[in-house]
PDB file of N, CA and C in Angstrom:
ATOM      1  N   MET A   1     -10.044  16.841  27.767  1.00  0.00           N
ATOM      2  CA  MET A   1      -9.815  16.492  26.318  1.00  0.00           C
ATOM      3  C   MET A   1      -9.320  17.792  25.649  1.00  0.00           C
ATOM      4  N   THR A   2      -8.356  17.741  24.739  1.00  0.00           N
ATOM      5  CA  THR A   2      -7.956  18.798  24.100  1.00  0.00           C
ATOM      6  C   THR A   2      -8.698  19.089  22.643  1.00  0.00           C
ATOM      7  N   GLN A   3      -8.430  20.142  22.211  1.00  0.00           N
ATOM      8  CA  GLN A   3      -9.246  20.428  20.978  1.00  0.00           C
ATOM      9  C   GLN A   3      -8.755  19.243  19.826  1.00  0.00           C
ATOM     10  N   ILE A   4      -7.474  18.850  19.717  1.00  0.00           N
ATOM     11  CA  ILE A   4      -7.172  17.991  18.790  1.00  0.00           C
ATOM     12  C   ILE A   4      -7.734  16.650  19.018  1.00  0.00           C
ATOM     13  N   ASP A   5      -7.888  16.228  20.358  1.00  0.00           N
ATOM     14  CA  ASP A   5      -8.609  14.993  20.608  1.00  0.00           C
ATOM     15  C   ASP A   5      -9.924  14.888  20.053  1.00  0.00           C
ATOM     16  N   LYS A   6     -10.621  16.115  19.806  1.00  0.00           N
ATOM     17  CA  LYS A   6     -11.963  16.041  19.368  1.00  0.00           C
ATOM     18  C   LYS A   6     -12.081  16.076  17.762  1.00  0.00           C
ATOM     19  N   SER A   7     -10.826  16.056  17.128  1.00  0.00           N
ATOM     20  CA  SER A   7     -10.764  16.326  15.707  1.00  0.00           C
ATOM     21  C   SER A   7     -10.196  15.074  15.068  1.00  0.00           C
ATOM     22  N   ALA A   8     -10.925  14.040  15.338  1.00  0.00           N
ATOM     23  CA  ALA A   8     -10.460  12.592  14.737  1.00  0.00           C
ATOM     24  C   ALA A   8     -10.400  12.735  13.127  1.00  0.00           C
ATOM     25  N   GLU A   9     -11.292  13.525  12.695  1.00  0.00           N
ATOM     26  CA  GLU A   9     -11.546  13.435  11.207  1.00  0.00           C
ATOM     27  C   GLU A   9     -10.376  14.032  10.380  1.00  0.00           C
ATOM     28  N   ILE A  10      -9.444  14.711  11.233  1.00  0.00           N
ATOM     29  CA  ILE A  10      -8.121  15.231  10.474  1.00  0.00           C
ATOM     30  C   ILE A  10      -7.181  14.092  10.289  1.00  0.00           C
ATOM     31  N   PHE A  11      -7.471  13.066  10.964  1.00  0.00           N
ATOM     32  CA  PHE A  11      -6.401  11.884  10.782  1.00  0.00           C
ATOM     33  C   PHE A  11      -6.758  10.864   9.751  1.00  0.00           C
ATOM     34  N   ASP A  12      -5.826  10.382   8.878  1.00  0.00           N
ATOM     35  CA  ASP A  12      -6.136   9.332   7.807  1.00  0.00           C
ATOM     36  C   ASP A  12      -6.282   8.038   8.568  1.00  0.00           C
ATOM     37  N   PRO A  13      -7.452   7.343   8.057  1.00  0.00           N
ATOM     38  CA  PRO A  13      -7.638   5.997   8.544  1.00  0.00           C
ATOM     39  C   PRO A  13      -6.692   5.240   7.797  1.00  0.00           C
ATOM     40  N   SER A  14      -6.444   3.965   8.233  1.00  0.00           N
ATOM     41  CA  SER A  14      -5.492   2.934   7.659  1.00  0.00           C
ATOM     42  C   SER A  14      -5.919   2.775   6.232  1.00  0.00           C
ATOM     43  N   CYS A  15      -4.984   2.833   5.364  1.00  0.00           N
ATOM     44  CA  CYS A  15      -5.072   2.580   3.974  1.00  0.00           C
ATOM     45  C   CYS A  15      -3.793   2.066   3.282  1.00  0.00           C
ATOM     46  N   PRO A  16      -3.930   1.220   2.295  1.00  0.00           N
ATOM     47  CA  PRO A  16      -2.829   0.697   1.677  1.00  0.00           C
ATOM     48  C   PRO A  16      -1.683   1.585   1.348  1.00  0.00           C
ATOM     49  N   ASP A  17      -2.106   2.629   0.767  1.00  0.00           N
ATOM     50  CA  ASP A  17      -0.998   3.550   0.161  1.00  0.00           C
ATOM     51  C   ASP A  17      -0.152   4.327   1.352  1.00  0.00           C
ATOM     52  N   ILE A  18      -0.649   4.435   2.549  1.00  0.00           N
ATOM     53  CA  ILE A  18      -0.033   5.054   3.592  1.00  0.00           C
ATOM     54  C   ILE A  18       0.959   3.897   4.143  1.00  0.00           C
ATOM     55  N   VAL A  19       0.458   2.709   4.145  1.00  0.00           N
ATOM     56  CA  VAL A  19       1.171   1.673   4.627  1.00  0.00           C
ATOM     57  C   VAL A  19       2.449   1.588   3.819  1.00  0.00           C
ATOM     58  N   GLY A  20       2.405   1.641   2.467  1.00  0.00           N
ATOM     59  CA  GLY A  20       3.489   1.618   1.627  1.00  0.00           C
ATOM     60  C   GLY A  20       4.442   2.766   1.934  1.00  0.00           C
ATOM     61  N   HIS A  21       3.943   3.916   2.198  1.00  0.00           N
ATOM     62  CA  HIS A  21       4.764   5.058   2.544  1.00  0.00           C
ATOM     63  C   HIS A  21       5.478   4.894   3.758  1.00  0.00           C
ATOM     64  N   VAL A  22       4.814   4.250   4.813  1.00  0.00           N
ATOM     65  CA  VAL A  22       5.418   4.094   6.204  1.00  0.00           C
ATOM     66  C   VAL A  22       6.549   3.097   5.972  1.00  0.00           C
ATOM     67  N   PHE A  23       6.389   2.000   5.166  1.00  0.00           N
ATOM     68  CA  PHE A  23       7.378   1.083   4.960  1.00  0.00           C
ATOM     69  C   PHE A  23       8.667   1.687   4.289  1.00  0.00           C
ATOM     70  N   GLU A  24       8.393   2.477   3.309  1.00  0.00           N
ATOM     71  CA  GLU A  24       9.490   3.237   2.594  1.00  0.00           C
ATOM     72  C   GLU A  24      10.341   4.188   3.677  1.00  0.00           C
ATOM     73  N   GLY A  25       9.551   4.790   4.430  1.00  0.00           N
ATOM     74  CA  GLY A  25      10.176   5.689   5.332  1.00  0.00           C
ATOM     75  C   GLY A  25      10.919   4.911   6.501  1.00  0.00           C
ATOM     76  N   MET A  26      10.346   3.793   6.890  1.00  0.00           N
ATOM     77  CA  MET A  26      11.107   2.879   7.867  1.00  0.00           C
ATOM     78  C   MET A  26      12.393   2.457   7.319  1.00  0.00           C
ATOM     79  N   ALA A  27      12.387   1.932   6.085  1.00  0.00           N
ATOM     80  CA  ALA A  27      13.415   1.486   5.336  1.00  0.00           C
ATOM     81  C   ALA A  27      14.569   2.451   5.172  1.00  0.00           C
ATOM     82  N   ALA A  28      14.123   3.810   4.766  1.00  0.00           N
ATOM     83  CA  ALA A  28      15.081   4.896   4.653  1.00  0.00           C
ATOM     84  C   ALA A  28      15.739   5.344   5.770  1.00  0.00           C
ATOM     85  N   SER A  29      14.983   5.013   6.926  1.00  0.00           N
ATOM     86  CA  SER A  29      15.556   5.438   8.353  1.00  0.00           C
ATOM     87  C   SER A  29      16.137   4.213   9.038  1.00  0.00           C
ATOM     88  N   ASN A  30      16.427   3.201   8.340  1.00  0.00           N
ATOM     89  CA  ASN A  30      17.057   1.881   8.907  1.00  0.00           C
ATOM     90  C   ASN A  30      16.135   1.380  10.091  1.00  0.00           C
ATOM     91  N   ILE A  31      14.787   1.470  10.062  1.00  0.00           N
ATOM     92  CA  ILE A  31      14.091   1.045  11.298  1.00  0.00           C
ATOM     93  C   ILE A  31      13.574  -0.228  10.774  1.00  0.00           C
ATOM     94  N   THR A  32      13.867  -1.329  11.606  1.00  0.00           N
ATOM     95  CA  THR A  32      13.426  -2.651  11.366  1.00  0.00           C
ATOM     96  C   THR A  32      12.665  -3.129  12.417  1.00  0.00           C
ATOM     97  N   ASP A  33      11.257  -3.127  12.313  1.00  0.00           N
ATOM     98  CA  ASP A  33      10.324  -3.633  13.273  1.00  0.00           C
ATOM     99  C   ASP A  33       9.489  -4.615  12.731  1.00  0.00           C
ATOM    100  N   TYR A  34       9.852  -5.948  12.978  1.00  0.00           N
ATOM    101  CA  TYR A  34       9.179  -6.871  12.331  1.00  0.00           C
ATOM    102  C   TYR A  34       7.626  -7.120  12.707  1.00  0.00           C
ATOM    103  N   ASP A  35       7.260  -6.624  13.814  1.00  0.00           N
ATOM    104  CA  ASP A  35       5.992  -6.683  14.311  1.00  0.00           C
ATOM    105  C   ASP A  35       5.036  -5.830  13.423  1.00  0.00           C
ATOM    106  N   VAL A  36       5.838  -4.559  13.151  1.00  0.00           N
ATOM    107  CA  VAL A  36       5.129  -3.666  12.282  1.00  0.00           C
ATOM    108  C   VAL A  36       4.941  -4.002  10.806  1.00  0.00           C
ATOM    109  N   PHE A  37       6.065  -4.544  10.329  1.00  0.00           N
ATOM    110  CA  PHE A  37       6.016  -5.239   9.224  1.00  0.00           C
ATOM    111  C   PHE A  37       4.988  -6.334   9.030  1.00  0.00           C
ATOM    112  N   THR A  38       4.969  -7.255   9.815  1.00  0.00           N
ATOM    113  CA  THR A  38       4.035  -8.342   9.771  1.00  0.00           C
ATOM    114  C   THR A  38       2.621  -7.915   9.911  1.00  0.00           C
ATOM    115  N   ARG A  39       2.306  -6.921  10.713  1.00  0.00           N
ATOM    116  CA  ARG A  39       0.929  -6.370  10.796  1.00  0.00           C
ATOM    117  C   ARG A  39       0.469  -5.569   9.558  1.00  0.00           C
ATOM    118  N   GLY A  40       1.566  -4.856   9.037  1.00  0.00           N
ATOM    119  CA  GLY A  40       1.159  -4.125   7.736  1.00  0.00           C
ATOM    120  C   GLY A  40       0.966  -4.998   6.643  1.00  0.00           C
ATOM    121  N   ILE A  41       1.714  -6.032   6.444  1.00  0.00           N
ATOM    122  CA  ILE A  41       1.628  -6.879   5.311  1.00  0.00           C
ATOM    123  C   ILE A  41       0.313  -7.726   5.416  1.00  0.00           C
ATOM    124  N   ASP A  42      -0.014  -8.042   6.597  1.00  0.00           N
ATOM    125  CA  ASP A  42      -1.394  -8.760   6.829  1.00  0.00           C
ATOM    126  C   ASP A  42      -2.532  -7.839   6.467  1.00  0.00           C
ATOM    127  N   TYR A  43      -2.348  -6.573   6.878  1.00  0.00           N
ATOM    128  CA  TYR A  43      -3.320  -5.496   6.626  1.00  0.00           C
ATOM    129  C   TYR A  43      -3.356  -5.516   5.058  1.00  0.00           C
ATOM    130  N   LEU A  44      -2.350  -5.393   4.328  1.00  0.00           N
ATOM    131  CA  LEU A  44      -2.373  -5.198   2.852  1.00  0.00           C
ATOM    132  C   LEU A  44      -2.827  -6.528   2.240  1.00  0.00           C
ATOM    133  N   PHE A  45      -2.530  -7.680   2.705  1.00  0.00           N
ATOM    134  CA  PHE A  45      -3.022  -8.979   2.093  1.00  0.00           C
ATOM    135  C   PHE A  45      -4.679  -8.898   2.264  1.00  0.00           C
ATOM    136  N   LYS A  46      -5.078  -8.599   3.454  1.00  0.00           N
ATOM    137  CA  LYS A  46      -6.632  -8.586   3.647  1.00  0.00           C
ATOM    138  C   LYS A  46      -7.377  -7.643   3.049  1.00  0.00           C
ATOM    139  N   ASN A  47      -6.815  -6.518   2.631  1.00  0.00           N
ATOM    140  CA  ASN A  47      -7.597  -5.381   2.186  1.00  0.00           C
ATOM    141  C   ASN A  47      -7.615  -5.099   0.701  1.00  0.00           C
ATOM    142  N   ARG A  48      -7.361  -6.212   0.004  1.00  0.00           N
ATOM    143  CA  ARG A  48      -7.266  -6.021  -1.422  1.00  0.00           C
ATOM    144  C   ARG A  48      -8.605  -6.069  -2.025  1.00  0.00           C
ATOM    145  N   LYS A  49      -8.992  -5.175  -3.012  1.00  0.00           N
ATOM    146  CA  LYS A  49     -10.225  -5.152  -3.741  1.00  0.00           C
ATOM    147  C   LYS A  49     -10.010  -5.409  -5.175  1.00  0.00           C
ATOM    148  N   ASP A  50     -10.707  -6.288  -5.679  1.00  0.00           N
ATOM    149  CA  ASP A  50     -10.514  -6.680  -7.121  1.00  0.00           C
ATOM    150  C   ASP A  50      -9.136  -7.096  -7.486  1.00  0.00           C
ATOM    151  N   GLY A  51      -8.465  -7.687  -6.358  1.00  0.00           N
ATOM    152  CA  GLY A  51      -7.142  -8.178  -6.573  1.00  0.00           C
ATOM    153  C   GLY A  51      -6.036  -7.096  -6.292  1.00  0.00           C
ATOM    154  N   MET A  52      -6.475  -5.878  -6.063  1.00  0.00           N
ATOM    155  CA  MET A  52      -5.541  -4.729  -5.858  1.00  0.00           C
ATOM    156  C   MET A  52      -5.953  -3.961  -4.655  1.00  0.00           C
ATOM    157  N   TRP A  53      -5.423  -2.711  -4.614  1.00  0.00           N
ATOM    158  CA  TRP A  53      -5.925  -1.781  -3.541  1.00  0.00           C
ATOM    159  C   TRP A  53      -6.319  -0.486  -4.084  1.00  0.00           C
ATOM    160  N   SER A  54      -7.355   0.049  -3.365  1.00  0.00           N
ATOM    161  CA  SER A  54      -7.649   1.389  -3.776  1.00  0.00           C
ATOM    162  C   SER A  54      -6.752   2.141  -2.819  1.00  0.00           C
ATOM    163  N   ALA A  55      -6.631   3.532  -2.962  1.00  0.00           N
ATOM    164  CA  ALA A  55      -5.873   4.313  -2.276  1.00  0.00           C
ATOM    165  C   ALA A  55      -6.659   5.541  -1.577  1.00  0.00           C
ATOM    166  N   ARG A  56      -5.988   6.038  -0.588  1.00  0.00           N
ATOM    167  CA  ARG A  56      -6.672   7.199   0.082  1.00  0.00           C
ATOM    168  C   ARG A  56      -6.103   8.531  -0.375  1.00  0.00           C
ATOM    169  N   TRP A  57      -4.841   8.560  -0.492  1.00  0.00           N
ATOM    170  CA  TRP A  57      -4.182   9.943  -0.950  1.00  0.00           C
ATOM    171  C   TRP A  57      -4.265  10.043  -2.621  1.00  0.00           C
ATOM    172  N   GLY A  58      -4.466   8.990  -3.219  1.00  0.00           N
ATOM    173  CA  GLY A  58      -4.499   8.947  -4.608  1.00  0.00           C
ATOM    174  C   GLY A  58      -5.923   8.281  -4.914  1.00  0.00           C
ATOM    175  N   ILE A  59      -6.377   8.365  -6.037  1.00  0.00           N
ATOM    176  CA  ILE A  59      -7.760   8.031  -6.343  1.00  0.00           C
ATOM    177  C   ILE A  59      -7.986   6.771  -7.193  1.00  0.00           C
ATOM    178  N   ASN A  60      -6.865   5.886  -7.248  1.00  0.00           N
ATOM    179  CA  ASN A  60      -7.011   4.753  -8.195  1.00  0.00           C
ATOM    180  C   ASN A  60      -6.069   3.757  -7.740  1.00  0.00           C
ATOM    181  N   TYR A  61      -6.256   2.387  -8.377  1.00  0.00           N
ATOM    182  CA  TYR A  61      -5.444   1.346  -8.002  1.00  0.00           C
ATOM    183  C   TYR A  61      -3.957   1.530  -8.438  1.00  0.00           C
ATOM    184  N   VAL A  62      -3.738   2.149  -9.483  1.00  0.00           N
ATOM    185  CA  VAL A  62      -2.320   2.421  -9.913  1.00  0.00           C
ATOM    186  C   VAL A  62      -1.560   3.204  -8.840  1.00  0.00           C
ATOM    187  N   TYR A  63      -2.146   4.238  -8.335  1.00  0.00           N
ATOM    188  CA  TYR A  63      -1.430   5.030  -7.299  1.00  0.00           C
ATOM    189  C   TYR A  63      -1.155   4.114  -5.953  1.00  0.00           C
ATOM    190  N   ALA A  64      -2.138   3.484  -5.629  1.00  0.00           N
ATOM    191  CA  ALA A  64      -1.984   2.442  -4.426  1.00  0.00           C
ATOM    192  C   ALA A  64      -0.942   1.544  -4.686  1.00  0.00           C
ATOM    193  N   VAL A  65      -0.994   0.693  -5.825  1.00  0.00           N
ATOM    194  CA  VAL A  65       0.069  -0.194  -6.106  1.00  0.00           C
ATOM    195  C   VAL A  65       1.530   0.488  -6.187  1.00  0.00           C
ATOM    196  N   GLY A  66       1.431   1.737  -6.788  1.00  0.00           N
ATOM    197  CA  GLY A  66       2.746   2.442  -6.859  1.00  0.00           C
ATOM    198  C   GLY A  66       3.271   3.010  -5.411  1.00  0.00           C
ATOM    199  N   ALA A  67       2.492   2.864  -4.504  1.00  0.00           N
ATOM    200  CA  ALA A  67       2.976   3.249  -3.215  1.00  0.00           C
ATOM    201  C   ALA A  67       3.284   1.965  -2.374  1.00  0.00           C
ATOM    202  N   VAL A  68       2.509   0.939  -2.555  1.00  0.00           N
ATOM    203  CA  VAL A  68       2.782  -0.313  -1.853  1.00  0.00           C
ATOM    204  C   VAL A  68       3.994  -0.994  -2.315  1.00  0.00           C
ATOM    205  N   PHE A  69       3.980  -1.314  -3.566  1.00  0.00           N
ATOM    206  CA  PHE A  69       5.126  -2.100  -4.060  1.00  0.00           C
ATOM    207  C   PHE A  69       6.407  -1.650  -3.747  1.00  0.00           C
ATOM    208  N   PRO A  70       6.831  -0.362  -3.822  1.00  0.00           N
ATOM    209  CA  PRO A  70       8.219   0.166  -3.468  1.00  0.00           C
ATOM    210  C   PRO A  70       8.373  -0.063  -1.898  1.00  0.00           C
ATOM    211  N   GLY A  71       7.347   0.168  -1.148  1.00  0.00           N
ATOM    212  CA  GLY A  71       7.478   0.002   0.346  1.00  0.00           C
ATOM    213  C   GLY A  71       7.712  -1.336   0.664  1.00  0.00           C
ATOM    214  N   LEU A  72       6.921  -2.248   0.148  1.00  0.00           N
ATOM    215  CA  LEU A  72       7.322  -3.699   0.329  1.00  0.00           C
ATOM    216  C   LEU A  72       8.752  -4.184  -0.082  1.00  0.00           C
ATOM    217  N   SER A  73       8.980  -3.707  -1.194  1.00  0.00           N
ATOM    218  CA  SER A  73      10.395  -4.118  -1.771  1.00  0.00           C
ATOM    219  C   SER A  73      11.456  -3.518  -0.781  1.00  0.00           C
ATOM    220  N   LYS A  74      11.328  -2.325  -0.363  1.00  0.00           N
ATOM    221  CA  LYS A  74      12.405  -1.670   0.453  1.00  0.00           C
ATOM    222  C   LYS A  74      12.429  -2.321   1.817  1.00  0.00           C
ATOM    223  N   ILE A  75      11.401  -2.942   2.283  1.00  0.00           N
ATOM    224  CA  ILE A  75      11.688  -3.589   3.675  1.00  0.00           C
ATOM    225  C   ILE A  75      12.085  -5.154   3.383  1.00  0.00           C
ATOM    226  N   GLY A  76      12.430  -5.414   2.160  1.00  0.00           N
ATOM    227  CA  GLY A  76      12.906  -6.651   1.874  1.00  0.00           C
ATOM    228  C   GLY A  76      11.870  -7.776   1.472  1.00  0.00           C
ATOM    229  N   TYR A  77      10.647  -7.371   1.370  1.00  0.00           N
ATOM    230  CA  TYR A  77       9.473  -8.388   1.203  1.00  0.00           C
ATOM    231  C   TYR A  77       9.752  -9.126  -0.148  1.00  0.00           C
ATOM    232  N   ASN A  78       9.490 -10.399  -0.210  1.00  0.00           N
ATOM    233  CA  ASN A  78       9.628 -11.195  -1.344  1.00  0.00           C
ATOM    234  C   ASN A  78       8.449 -10.851  -2.413  1.00  0.00           C
ATOM    235  N   MET A  79       8.902 -10.043  -3.377  1.00  0.00           N
ATOM    236  CA  MET A  79       7.973  -9.670  -4.506  1.00  0.00           C
ATOM    237  C   MET A  79       7.523 -10.614  -5.478  1.00  0.00           C
ATOM    238  N   SER A  80       8.064 -11.879  -5.308  1.00  0.00           N
ATOM    239  CA  SER A  80       7.524 -12.867  -6.080  1.00  0.00           C
ATOM    240  C   SER A  80       6.580 -13.797  -5.530  1.00  0.00           C
ATOM    241  N   GLU A  81       5.985 -13.389  -4.302  1.00  0.00           N
ATOM    242  CA  GLU A  81       4.884 -14.131  -3.665  1.00  0.00           C
ATOM    243  C   GLU A  81       3.706 -13.976  -4.676  1.00  0.00           C
ATOM    244  N   PRO A  82       2.906 -15.123  -4.699  1.00  0.00           N
ATOM    245  CA  PRO A  82       1.859 -15.289  -5.628  1.00  0.00           C
ATOM    246  C   PRO A  82       0.813 -14.125  -5.465  1.00  0.00           C
ATOM    247  N   TRP A  83       0.546 -13.630  -4.420  1.00  0.00           N
ATOM    248  CA  TRP A  83      -0.550 -12.529  -4.079  1.00  0.00           C
ATOM    249  C   TRP A  83      -0.079 -11.218  -4.686  1.00  0.00           C
ATOM    250  N   ILE A  84       1.314 -11.043  -4.743  1.00  0.00           N
ATOM    251  CA  ILE A  84       1.914  -9.887  -5.221  1.00  0.00           C
ATOM    252  C   ILE A  84       1.938 -10.037  -6.866  1.00  0.00           C
ATOM    253  N   THR A  85       2.397 -11.039  -7.380  1.00  0.00           N
ATOM    254  CA  THR A  85       2.472 -11.195  -8.835  1.00  0.00           C
ATOM    255  C   THR A  85       1.132 -11.205  -9.345  1.00  0.00           C
ATOM    256  N   ASN A  86       0.032 -11.594  -8.641  1.00  0.00           N
ATOM    257  CA  ASN A  86      -1.353 -11.566  -9.075  1.00  0.00           C
ATOM    258  C   ASN A  86      -1.821 -10.176  -9.325  1.00  0.00           C
ATOM    259  N   ILE A  87      -1.218  -9.299  -8.357  1.00  0.00           N
ATOM    260  CA  ILE A  87      -1.723  -7.793  -8.509  1.00  0.00           C
ATOM    261  C   ILE A  87      -0.987  -7.298  -9.705  1.00  0.00           C
ATOM    262  N   THR A  88       0.151  -7.673 -10.007  1.00  0.00           N
ATOM    263  CA  THR A  88       0.796  -7.257 -11.206  1.00  0.00           C
ATOM    264  C   THR A  88       0.133  -7.740 -12.515  1.00  0.00           C
ATOM    265  N   SER A  89      -0.313  -9.008 -12.425  1.00  0.00           N
ATOM    266  CA  SER A  89      -1.180  -9.497 -13.605  1.00  0.00           C
ATOM    267  C   SER A  89      -2.440  -8.770 -13.681  1.00  0.00           C
ATOM    268  N   ARG A  90      -3.071  -8.439 -12.612  1.00  0.00           N
ATOM    269  CA  ARG A  90      -4.322  -7.827 -12.635  1.00  0.00           C
ATOM    270  C   ARG A  90      -4.236  -6.332 -13.275  1.00  0.00           C
ATOM    271  N   LEU A  91      -3.275  -5.733 -12.866  1.00  0.00           N
ATOM    272  CA  LEU A  91      -2.933  -4.251 -13.501  1.00  0.00           C
ATOM    273  C   LEU A  91      -2.807  -4.445 -15.056  1.00  0.00           C
ATOM    274  N   MET A  92      -2.036  -5.529 -15.484  1.00  0.00           N
ATOM    275  CA  MET A  92      -1.773  -5.612 -16.849  1.00  0.00           C
ATOM    276  C   MET A  92      -3.111  -6.029 -17.639  1.00  0.00           C
ATOM    277  N   GLU A  93      -4.005  -6.677 -16.895  1.00  0.00           N
ATOM    278  CA  GLU A  93      -5.238  -7.056 -17.453  1.00  0.00           C
ATOM    279  C   GLU A  93      -6.021  -5.696 -17.788  1.00  0.00           C
ATOM    280  N   VAL A  94      -6.142  -4.731 -16.863  1.00  0.00           N
ATOM    281  CA  VAL A  94      -6.990  -3.618 -17.039  1.00  0.00           C
ATOM    282  C   VAL A  94      -6.180  -2.393 -17.784  1.00  0.00           C
ATOM    283  N   GLN A  95      -4.941  -2.681 -18.077  1.00  0.00           N
ATOM    284  CA  GLN A  95      -4.220  -1.532 -18.869  1.00  0.00           C
ATOM    285  C   GLN A  95      -4.782  -1.602 -20.204  1.00  0.00           C
ATOM    286  N   GLN A  96      -5.095  -0.238 -20.813  1.00  0.00           N
ATOM    287  CA  GLN A  96      -5.633  -0.207 -22.127  1.00  0.00           C
ATOM    288  C   GLN A  96      -4.499  -0.307 -23.151  1.00  0.00           C
ATOM    289  N   LYS A  97      -4.822  -0.429 -24.395  1.00  0.00           N
ATOM    290  CA  LYS A  97      -3.994  -0.713 -25.558  1.00  0.00           C
ATOM    291  C   LYS A  97      -2.978   0.579 -25.745  1.00  0.00           C
ATOM    292  N   ASP A  98      -3.408   1.835 -25.275  1.00  0.00           N
ATOM    293  CA  ASP A  98      -2.652   2.940 -25.526  1.00  0.00           C
ATOM    294  C   ASP A  98      -1.735   3.121 -24.260  1.00  0.00           C
ATOM    295  N   GLY A  99      -1.775   2.128 -23.334  1.00  0.00           N
ATOM    296  CA  GLY A  99      -0.914   2.236 -22.116  1.00  0.00           C
ATOM    297  C   GLY A  99      -1.460   2.887 -20.965  1.00  0.00           C
ATOM    298  N   GLY A 100      -2.640   3.571 -21.006  1.00  0.00           N
ATOM    299  CA  GLY A 100      -3.278   4.129 -19.913  1.00  0.00           C
ATOM    300  C   GLY A 100      -4.013   3.153 -19.249  1.00  0.00           C
ATOM    301  N   PHE A 101      -4.697   3.697 -18.094  1.00  0.00           N
ATOM    302  CA  PHE A 101      -5.506   2.937 -17.215  1.00  0.00           C
ATOM    303  C   PHE A 101      -6.830   3.556 -17.066  1.00  0.00           C
ATOM    304  N   GLY A 102      -7.074   4.839 -17.640  1.00  0.00           N
ATOM    305  CA  GLY A 102      -8.362   5.464 -17.448  1.00  0.00           C
ATOM    306  C   GLY A 102      -9.363   5.445 -18.607  1.00  0.00           C
TER     307      GLY A 102
END
């Protein structure tokens, strides 16, 4: 076993914002792997909290949605699916009158 094999904590666990970034990268590189897309979308669908996602690299729902939505869009996902539009509605519900979220 190498030193890096003993260092699992340096690797990010699965999280929605990373899935979104991977989808964006795949689209930018013209990589179409429907198995990866299907598994990623299934992961995103199953890992919503309060109707949205929390992020690993950012600390809030806005960051996670801001990473996931562009990724889904760039791989050609139907952004009018009810579970997607529900996330948009949920963000609008928690937005404050001054436009912020905090």
